[in-house]
Each structure stands twice: as structure tokens, then as C-alpha cells.
C-alpha atoms as a PDB file:
ATOM      1  CA  UNK A   1       0.075  -0.145   0.110  1.00  0.00           C
ATOM      2  CA  UNK A   2       1.263   3.355  -0.981  1.00  0.00           C
ATOM      3  CA  UNK A   3       1.819   6.056   1.889  1.00  0.00           C
ATOM      4  CA  UNK A   4       0.368   9.346   1.780  1.00  0.00           C
ATOM      5  CA  UNK A   5       2.371  12.243   2.914  1.00  0.00           C
ATOM      6  CA  UNK A   6       0.592  15.303   4.168  1.00  0.00           C
ATOM      7  CA  UNK A   7       2.744  18.561   4.895  1.00  0.00           C
ATOM      8  CA  UNK A   8       1.422  21.321   7.230  1.00  0.00           C
ATOM      9  CA  UNK A   9       3.084  24.632   7.529  1.00  0.00           C
ATOM     10  CA  UNK A  10       4.916  24.705  10.886  1.00  0.00           C
ATOM     11  CA  UNK A  11       4.508  20.913  11.260  1.00  0.00           C
ATOM     12  CA  UNK A  12       6.604  17.806  10.082  1.00  0.00           C
ATOM     13  CA  UNK A  13       5.339  15.970   7.267  1.00  0.00           C
ATOM     14  CA  UNK A  14       3.502  13.296   8.498  1.00  0.00           C
ATOM     15  CA  UNK A  15       1.855   9.844   7.530  1.00  0.00           C
ATOM     16  CA  UNK A  16       0.397   7.508  10.078  1.00  0.00           C
ATOM     17  CA  UNK A  17      -0.717   3.852   9.390  1.00  0.00           C
ATOM     18  CA  UNK A  18      -2.349   1.855  11.883  1.00  0.00           C
ATOM     19  CA  UNK A  19      -3.942  -1.572  12.100  1.00  0.00           C
ATOM     20  CA  UNK A  20      -7.392  -1.718  12.523  1.00  0.00           C
ATOM     21  CA  UNK A  21      -7.221  -4.153  15.204  1.00  0.00           C
ATOM     22  CA  UNK A  22      -4.422  -2.441  17.016  1.00  0.00           C
ATOM     23  CA  UNK A  23      -4.286  -1.133  20.389  1.00  0.00           C
ATOM     24  CA  UNK A  24      -5.467   2.249  21.434  1.00  0.00           C
ATOM     25  CA  UNK A  25      -2.593   4.717  21.266  1.00  0.00           C
ATOM     26  CA  UNK A  26      -0.636   5.588  24.393  1.00  0.00           C
ATOM     27  CA  UNK A  27       0.177   9.039  24.447  1.00  0.00           C
ATOM     28  CA  UNK A  28       3.323  10.802  25.842  1.00  0.00           C
ATOM     29  CA  UNK A  29       3.543  14.425  26.678  1.00  0.00           C
ATOM     30  CA  UNK A  30       5.822  16.287  24.609  1.00  0.00           C
ATOM     31  CA  UNK A  31     -20.834  23.349  15.120  1.00  0.00           C
ATOM     32  CA  UNK A  32     -22.431  22.476  11.513  1.00  0.00           C
ATOM     33  CA  UNK A  33     -22.570  24.866  14.200  1.00  0.00           C
ATOM     34  CA  UNK A  34     -19.034  24.401  15.024  1.00  0.00           C
ATOM     35  CA  UNK A  35     -19.910  21.301  16.637  1.00  0.00           C
ATOM     36  CA  UNK A  36     -18.336  18.183  16.721  1.00  0.00           C
ATOM     37  CA  UNK A  37     -18.863  14.385  16.741  1.00  0.00           C
ATOM     38  CA  UNK A  38     -21.880  12.354  15.326  1.00  0.00           C
ATOM     39  CA  UNK A  39     -20.251   9.050  15.763  1.00  0.00           C
ATOM     40  CA  UNK A  40     -17.434   6.953  17.014  1.00  0.00           C
ATOM     41  CA  UNK A  41     -12.706   2.425  16.262  1.00  0.00           C
ATOM     42  CA  UNK A  42      -9.391   2.780  15.241  1.00  0.00           C
ATOM     43  CA  UNK A  43      -6.754   5.116  16.723  1.00  0.00           C
ATOM     44  CA  UNK A  44      -3.615   6.807  15.188  1.00  0.00           C
ATOM     45  CA  UNK A  45      -0.101   5.440  15.693  1.00  0.00           C
ATOM     46  CA  UNK A  46       1.642   6.768  18.805  1.00  0.00           C
ATOM     47  CA  UNK A  47       2.890  10.290  18.502  1.00  0.00           C
ATOM     48  CA  UNK A  48       6.005  11.227  20.495  1.00  0.00           C
ATOM     49  CA  UNK A  49       7.354  14.810  21.098  1.00  0.00           C
ATOM     50  CA  UNK A  50       9.721  16.548  23.627  1.00  0.00           C
ATOM     51  CA  UNK A  51       8.164  17.569  26.875  1.00  0.00           C
ATOM     52  CA  UNK A  52       7.871  21.125  27.616  1.00  0.00           C
ATOM     53  CA  UNK A  53       5.683  23.779  28.339  1.00  0.00           C
ATOM     54  CA  UNK A  54       5.061  27.038  26.034  1.00  0.00           C
ATOM     55  CA  UNK A  55       5.167  30.264  27.856  1.00  0.00           C
ATOM     56  CA  UNK A  56       2.369  31.545  25.829  1.00  0.00           C
ATOM     57  CA  UNK A  57       0.137  30.064  23.141  1.00  0.00           C
ATOM     58  CA  UNK A  58       1.321  30.600  19.532  1.00  0.00           C
ATOM     59  CA  UNK A  59      -0.379  33.806  17.849  1.00  0.00           C
ATOM     60  CA  UNK A  60      -0.711  31.993  14.619  1.00  0.00           C
ATOM     61  CA  UNK A  61      -0.088  28.578  12.906  1.00  0.00           C
ATOM     62  CA  UNK A  62       3.061  29.917  11.439  1.00  0.00           C
ATOM     63  CA  UNK A  63       4.371  30.356  15.070  1.00  0.00           C
ATOM     64  CA  UNK A  64       4.246  26.671  15.714  1.00  0.00           C
ATOM     65  CA  UNK A  65       7.305  24.759  16.417  1.00  0.00           C
ATOM     66  CA  UNK A  66       8.626  22.542  13.738  1.00  0.00           C
ATOM     67  CA  UNK A  67       9.283  19.733  16.118  1.00  0.00           C
ATOM     68  CA  UNK A  68       5.410  19.834  17.311  1.00  0.00           C
ATOM     69  CA  UNK A  69       4.664  16.325  15.795  1.00  0.00           C
ATOM     70  CA  UNK A  70       7.047  13.080  15.479  1.00  0.00           C
ATOM     71  CA  UNK A  71       5.458   9.825  14.564  1.00  0.00           C
ATOM     72  CA  UNK A  72       6.336   6.030  14.794  1.00  0.00           C
ATOM     73  CA  UNK A  73       4.345   4.658  12.060  1.00  0.00           C
ATOM     74  CA  UNK A  74       2.968   1.115  12.421  1.00  0.00           C
ATOM     75  CA  UNK A  75       3.987  -0.888   9.443  1.00  0.00           C
ATOM     76  CA  UNK A  76       1.025  -1.069   6.524  1.00  0.00           C
ATOM     77  CA  UNK A  77      -0.756  -4.050   5.928  1.00  0.00           C
ATOM     78  CA  UNK A  78      -4.194  -5.281   4.505  1.00  0.00           C
ATOM     79  CA  UNK A  79      -7.209  -3.739   6.408  1.00  0.00           C
ATOM     80  CA  UNK A  80      -5.436  -0.500   7.865  1.00  0.00           C
ATOM     81  CA  UNK A  81      -6.901   2.988   8.700  1.00  0.00           C
ATOM     82  CA  UNK A  82      -4.338   5.756   7.981  1.00  0.00           C
ATOM     83  CA  UNK A  83      -4.137   8.817   9.962  1.00  0.00           C
ATOM     84  CA  UNK A  84      -2.651  11.802   7.906  1.00  0.00           C
ATOM     85  CA  UNK A  85      -2.239  15.479   9.361  1.00  0.00           C
ATOM     86  CA  UNK A  86      -2.954  17.934   6.964  1.00  0.00           C
ATOM     87  CA  UNK A  87      -4.334  21.371   6.388  1.00  0.00           C
ATOM     88  CA  UNK A  88      -8.009  22.807   7.157  1.00  0.00           C
ATOM     89  CA  UNK A  89      -8.774  23.443   3.817  1.00  0.00           C
ATOM     90  CA  UNK A  90      -7.736  19.857   2.357  1.00  0.00           C
ATOM     91  CA  UNK A  91     -10.732  18.797  -0.178  1.00  0.00           C
ATOM     92  CA  UNK A  92     -11.363  15.614   1.895  1.00  0.00           C
ATOM     93  CA  UNK A  93     -11.835  17.347   5.128  1.00  0.00           C
ATOM     94  CA  UNK A  94     -13.949  19.808   3.547  1.00  0.00           C
ATOM     95  CA  UNK A  95     -15.885  17.060   1.896  1.00  0.00           C
ATOM     96  CA  UNK A  96     -16.467  15.392   5.436  1.00  0.00           C
ATOM     97  CA  UNK A  97     -17.464  19.029   6.999  1.00  0.00           C
ATOM     98  CA  UNK A  98     -20.018  19.540   4.330  1.00  0.00           C
ATOM     99  CA  UNK A  99     -21.612  16.062   5.278  1.00  0.00           C
ATOM    100  CA  UNK A 100     -21.791  16.863   8.871  1.00  0.00           C
ATOM    101  CA  UNK A 101     -23.395  20.500   8.289  1.00  0.00           C
ATOM    102  CA  UNK A 102     -25.685  18.620   6.156  1.00  0.00           C
ATOM    103  CA  UNK A 103     -26.610  16.111   8.649  1.00  0.00           C
ATOM    104  CA  UNK A 104     -26.958  18.583  11.576  1.00  0.00           C
ATOM    105  CA  UNK A 105     -28.629  21.471   9.702  1.00  0.00           C
ATOM    106  CA  UNK A 106     -32.188  19.885  10.084  1.00  0.00           C
ATOM    107  CA  UNK A 107     -32.019  19.350  13.714  1.00  0.00           C
ATOM    108  CA  UNK A 108     -31.210  23.171  14.378  1.00  0.00           C
ATOM    109  CA  UNK A 109     -33.144  24.839  11.162  1.00  0.00           C
ATOM    110  CA  UNK A 110     -36.356  25.177  13.578  1.00  0.00           C
ATOM    111  CA  UNK A 111     -34.408  27.463  15.854  1.00  0.00           C
ATOM    112  CA  UNK A 112     -32.671  29.604  13.312  1.00  0.00           C
ATOM    113  CA  UNK A 113     -34.759  32.781  14.676  1.00  0.00           C
ATOM    114  CA  UNK A 114     -33.832  32.181  18.068  1.00  0.00           C
ATOM    115  CA  UNK A 115     -30.227  31.903  17.346  1.00  0.00           C
ATOM    116  CA  UNK A 116     -29.828  34.501  14.780  1.00  0.00           C
ATOM    117  CA  UNK A 117     -26.688  36.834  15.431  1.00  0.00           C
ATOM    118  CA  UNK A 118     -25.567  34.638  18.453  1.00  0.00           C
ATOM    119  CA  UNK A 119     -24.020  31.908  16.684  1.00  0.00           C
ATOM    120  CA  UNK A 120     -20.038  32.048  16.225  1.00  0.00           C
ATOM    121  CA  UNK A 121     -18.435  32.151  12.940  1.00  0.00           C
ATOM    122  CA  UNK A 122     -16.432  29.294  11.635  1.00  0.00           C
ATOM    123  CA  UNK A 123     -12.467  29.055  11.988  1.00  0.00           C
ATOM    124  CA  UNK A 124     -10.209  30.236   9.349  1.00  0.00           C
ATOM    125  CA  UNK A 125      -7.370  28.117   8.155  1.00  0.00           C
ATOM    126  CA  UNK A 126      -4.662  30.192   9.870  1.00  0.00           C
ATOM    127  CA  UNK A 127      -6.024  29.319  13.415  1.00  0.00           C
ATOM    128  CA  UNK A 128      -5.897  25.623  12.491  1.00  0.00           C
ATOM    129  CA  UNK A 129      -2.654  24.204  14.157  1.00  0.00           C
ATOM    130  CA  UNK A 130      -3.598  20.665  12.344  1.00  0.00           C
ATOM    131  CA  UNK A 131      -6.191  18.674  10.638  1.00  0.00           C
ATOM    132  CA  UNK A 132      -6.300  15.086  10.856  1.00  0.00           C
ATOM    133  CA  UNK A 133      -7.924  12.597   8.244  1.00  0.00           C
ATOM    134  CA  UNK A 134      -8.561   8.931   8.689  1.00  0.00           C
ATOM    135  CA  UNK A 135      -8.391   6.889   5.542  1.00  0.00           C
ATOM    136  CA  UNK A 136      -9.064   3.345   4.358  1.00  0.00           C
ATOM    137  CA  UNK A 137      -7.565   2.843   1.162  1.00  0.00           C
ATOM    138  CA  UNK A 138      -8.486   6.208  -0.849  1.00  0.00           C
ATOM    139  CA  UNK A 139     -11.660   7.042   0.867  1.00  0.00           C
ATOM    140  CA  UNK A 140     -11.784   9.477   3.812  1.00  0.00           C
ATOM    141  CA  UNK A 141     -13.331   8.530   6.851  1.00  0.00           C
ATOM    142  CA  UNK A 142     -13.071  10.882   9.699  1.00  0.00           C
ATOM    143  CA  UNK A 143     -11.804  14.075  10.597  1.00  0.00           C
ATOM    144  CA  UNK A 144     -10.957  16.498  13.622  1.00  0.00           C
ATOM    145  CA  UNK A 145      -8.674  19.714  13.913  1.00  0.00           C
ATOM    146  CA  UNK A 146      -7.022  21.554  16.537  1.00  0.00           C
ATOM    147  CA  UNK A 147      -7.691  25.371  16.483  1.00  0.00           C
ATOM    148  CA  UNK A 148      -5.864  27.966  18.180  1.00  0.00           C
ATOM    149  CA  UNK A 149      -8.751  30.424  19.226  1.00  0.00           C
ATOM    150  CA  UNK A 150      -7.788  34.055  19.723  1.00  0.00           C
ATOM    151  CA  UNK A 151      -9.986  35.872  22.134  1.00  0.00           C
ATOM    152  CA  UNK A 152     -10.479  39.723  22.641  1.00  0.00           C
ATOM    153  CA  UNK A 153      -9.741  39.511  26.062  1.00  0.00           C
ATOM    154  CA  UNK A 154      -6.431  37.876  25.147  1.00  0.00           C
ATOM    155  CA  UNK A 155      -6.873  34.321  26.793  1.00  0.00           C
ATOM    156  CA  UNK A 156      -6.366  32.629  23.725  1.00  0.00           C
ATOM    157  CA  UNK A 157      -6.724  28.885  24.175  1.00  0.00           C
ATOM    158  CA  UNK A 158      -6.870  25.781  21.923  1.00  0.00           C
ATOM    159  CA  UNK A 159      -9.881  23.793  21.080  1.00  0.00           C
ATOM    160  CA  UNK A 160     -10.831  20.624  19.376  1.00  0.00           C
ATOM    161  CA  UNK A 161     -13.041  21.343  16.046  1.00  0.00           C
ATOM    162  CA  UNK A 162     -15.075  19.688  13.782  1.00  0.00           C
ATOM    163  CA  UNK A 163     -15.155  16.129  14.660  1.00  0.00           C
ATOM    164  CA  UNK A 164     -16.973  13.934  12.323  1.00  0.00           C
ATOM    165  CA  UNK A 165     -17.067  10.182  11.171  1.00  0.00           C
ATOM    166  CA  UNK A 166     -18.815   9.348   7.718  1.00  0.00           C
ATOM    167  CA  UNK A 167     -22.007   7.721   8.210  1.00  0.00           C
ATOM    168  CA  UNK A 168     -20.898   4.694   6.556  1.00  0.00           C
ATOM    169  CA  UNK A 169     -18.225   4.008   9.148  1.00  0.00           C
ATOM    170  CA  UNK A 170     -19.508   4.484  12.501  1.00  0.00           C
ATOM    171  CA  UNK A 171     -19.323   2.156  15.253  1.00  0.00           C
ATOM    172  CA  UNK A 172     -15.586   1.440  14.780  1.00  0.00           C
ATOM    173  CA  UNK A 173     -14.166   3.915  17.538  1.00  0.00           C
ATOM    174  CA  UNK A 174     -13.136   6.573  14.818  1.00  0.00           C
ATOM    175  CA  UNK A 175     -14.548   9.525  16.696  1.00  0.00           C
ATOM    176  CA  UNK A 176     -12.559   8.390  19.972  1.00  0.00           C
ATOM    177  CA  UNK A 177      -9.501   7.939  17.460  1.00  0.00           C
ATOM    178  CA  UNK A 178      -9.833  11.224  16.116  1.00  0.00           C
ATOM    179  CA  UNK A 179     -10.182  12.667  19.543  1.00  0.00           C
ATOM    180  CA  UNK A 180      -6.880  11.010  20.516  1.00  0.00           C
ATOM    181  CA  UNK A 181      -4.985  12.483  17.507  1.00  0.00           C
ATOM    182  CA  UNK A 182      -5.995  15.815  18.520  1.00  0.00           C
ATOM    183  CA  UNK A 183      -5.240  15.716  22.186  1.00  0.00           C
ATOM    184  CA  UNK A 184      -1.675  14.413  21.125  1.00  0.00           C
ATOM    185  CA  UNK A 185      -1.294  17.132  18.678  1.00  0.00           C
ATOM    186  CA  UNK A 186      -2.055  19.235  21.763  1.00  0.00           C
ATOM    187  CA  UNK A 187       0.236  17.864  24.004  1.00  0.00           C
ATOM    188  CA  UNK A 188       3.190  18.205  21.492  1.00  0.00           C
ATOM    189  CA  UNK A 189       2.572  21.985  21.735  1.00  0.00           C
ATOM    190  CA  UNK A 190       2.734  22.103  25.547  1.00  0.00           C
ATOM    191  CA  UNK A 191      -0.888  22.803  25.773  1.00  0.00           C
ATOM    192  CA  UNK A 192      -2.188  21.720  29.265  1.00  0.00           C
ATOM    193  CA  UNK A 193      -5.754  22.236  29.081  1.00  0.00           C
ATOM    194  CA  UNK A 194      -8.136  21.884  25.838  1.00  0.00           C
ATOM    195  CA  UNK A 195     -11.942  22.949  25.186  1.00  0.00           C
ATOM    196  CA  UNK A 196     -14.451  22.381  22.665  1.00  0.00           C
ATOM    197  CA  UNK A 197     -17.969  23.313  22.002  1.00  0.00           C
ATOM    198  CA  UNK A 198     -20.902  21.239  20.779  1.00  0.00           C
ATOM    199  CA  UNK A 199     -24.869  21.679  20.566  1.00  0.00           C
ATOM    200  CA  UNK A 200     -27.418  20.822  22.843  1.00  0.00           C
ATOM    201  CA  UNK A 201     -29.357  18.783  19.931  1.00  0.00           C
ATOM    202  CA  UNK A 202     -26.300  16.403  19.404  1.00  0.00           C
ATOM    203  CA  UNK A 203     -26.591  13.919  22.447  1.00  0.00           C
ATOM    204  CA  UNK A 204     -24.027  11.460  20.371  1.00  0.00           C
ATOM    205  CA  UNK A 205     -21.484  14.383  20.762  1.00  0.00           C
ATOM    206  CA  UNK A 206     -22.105  14.799  24.443  1.00  0.00           C
ATOM    207  CA  UNK A 207     -21.996  11.087  25.061  1.00  0.00           C
ATOM    208  CA  UNK A 208     -18.788  10.773  23.526  1.00  0.00           C
ATOM    209  CA  UNK A 209     -17.006  13.689  25.355  1.00  0.00           C
ATOM    210  CA  UNK A 210     -18.140  12.702  28.614  1.00  0.00           C
ATOM    211  CA  UNK A 211     -17.023   8.963  28.216  1.00  0.00           C
ATOM    212  CA  UNK A 212     -13.809  10.183  27.131  1.00  0.00           C
ATOM    213  CA  UNK A 213     -13.356  12.290  30.275  1.00  0.00           C
ATOM    214  CA  UNK A 214     -14.301  15.686  29.337  1.00  0.00           C
ATOM    215  CA  UNK A 215     -16.019  17.982  31.768  1.00  0.00           C
ATOM    216  CA  UNK A 216     -18.873  20.404  30.959  1.00  0.00           C
ATOM    217  CA  UNK A 217     -17.853  23.934  31.741  1.00  0.00           C
ATOM    218  CA  UNK A 218     -19.559  27.357  31.353  1.00  0.00           C
ATOM    219  CA  UNK A 219     -19.668  28.365  27.550  1.00  0.00           C
ATOM    220  CA  UNK A 220     -16.577  30.880  26.794  1.00  0.00           C
ATOM    221  CA  UNK A 221     -16.509  33.559  24.268  1.00  0.00           C
ATOM    222  CA  UNK A 222     -17.655  33.148  21.511  1.00  0.00           C
ATOM    223  CA  UNK A 223     -20.098  30.557  22.381  1.00  0.00           C
ATOM    224  CA  UNK A 224     -21.618  32.216  25.346  1.00  0.00           C
ATOM    225  CA  UNK A 225     -24.192  33.867  23.622  1.00  0.00           C
ATOM    226  CA  UNK A 226     -25.605  30.888  21.717  1.00  0.00           C
ATOM    227  CA  UNK A 227     -28.539  29.395  23.635  1.00  0.00           C
ATOM    228  CA  UNK A 228     -27.979  25.752  22.032  1.00  0.00           C
ATOM    229  CA  UNK A 229     -24.129  25.784  22.852  1.00  0.00           C
ATOM    230  CA  UNK A 230     -22.509  23.338  25.291  1.00  0.00           C
ATOM    231  CA  UNK A 231     -18.977  23.571  26.290  1.00  0.00           C
ATOM    232  CA  UNK A 232     -16.192  21.080  27.605  1.00  0.00           C
ATOM    233  CA  UNK A 233     -12.742  21.185  29.023  1.00  0.00           C
ATOM    234  CA  UNK A 234     -10.067  18.609  29.593  1.00  0.00           C
ATOM    235  CA  UNK A 235      -6.787  18.706  31.585  1.00  0.00           C
ATOM    236  CA  UNK A 236      -4.401  16.897  29.349  1.00  0.00           C
END
């Protein structure tokens, strides 16, 4: 099986290949609404990175240390899921997020008037430290991203964005694996606490996060004005 290499500005080129039946990764330190997961499999190969704390969060993806991510790729074999680090604007990531939007839109459409002017806008590509994609063969199965959220009060933070599993590949643990990949990337940057936002009408996402050790917190800006927002935090 040929390897697929993704290059992310500020992050090492990366290819991960993991047996579908392999163990969960062991980490070392190192909605359409900006929402998250609809489903949950298969974990990325272990990432290794140097220990260390950042004095302050990088202001932009270009400021991310080039040694942020290192890998030990498992040997490829038939029936593997490959986890690839790439850009927010990668066509396969865009396609999966469009599917996510189409799936969630009907849930929230009846409340559009109530939420008008109160929803946060989507991330932009310069805020995204890394976007993870899971592949089986040439087909993208799942995605999740790590975002550096710039806040007006200067209290910038990292958050998980747009975790989604293709509806034909749910029940395989891919959502858990996507979270693992983003959390590992955050650890590699010295992030001590990670955040995320989802929606009240997404019980699948809420259940996943709580099972994975995320704790519900008051919604932080820019999600604090959305009556359907639900926020979580997790210490890494």
C-alpha cells in the first residue's frame, strides 16, 4: 500500500498507518454549528514529542514549533486505517465537514430565528494548527482539527473543532481515535488544557465527550451567546 504524505506549515510531514485491530494509542506528553462528533474505532499510531511547556500560546499557525509532531508509524498491512495530518482546507476534510453540516442542519433549522446573530462564526485556516484525516484505501472516513482560538480578552486557548465520522463508518471507534489524535497534537505543543464546543441537540457528541473524560464547563466566548451551545474542557 502506498503511503500518503501531508505537509502542514509549521509541522513535520506526517504519515500514520495503524492496524484496525491494534491497541488504542498510548500518549506521551511532549458546530454545522461549530460542533463536533456524530459517531464513533481505530486510533492513530503513537506520536512522540519533546516535553516542555510553552510560555504562551502561539499567535498563529506559522509560529508553531517545527518539532511539534513526530511519529512512529506502524507497518502498513491490509485492512488498515491511515491517519494523516493535513490542512483545514484539504478537499477531503472539506467534504466531510459538508456532510456534517448537511446532517446537523435539520436539527437546528427550527431554531434559526432564536439563534440569529448569536452563533459564532467558523474557524479560518490560519487558526488551525492541524487537521487530522482517517483513510481506508483512498476514502476519507473521519476528521478532526486543533484550533488556536484568539479571544478579544487575550486569553487565547486551544480547542477541538469539527470532529466527524462518515455515516457509513460509524461504530468503529473512529471518533475516539480522532479525539486522541487532536489531544496528542495539543500535548506536543505543550497545551495543558483543551476545550471544545458542541450543541444541545447532539447527544451523540455529548455522550462521547463525557465518556472520554471531558467535563462540562460554562460556555466561553464566542459561544456564550448561543442558547444551544454546550462547552467542555479537559486537562491533558
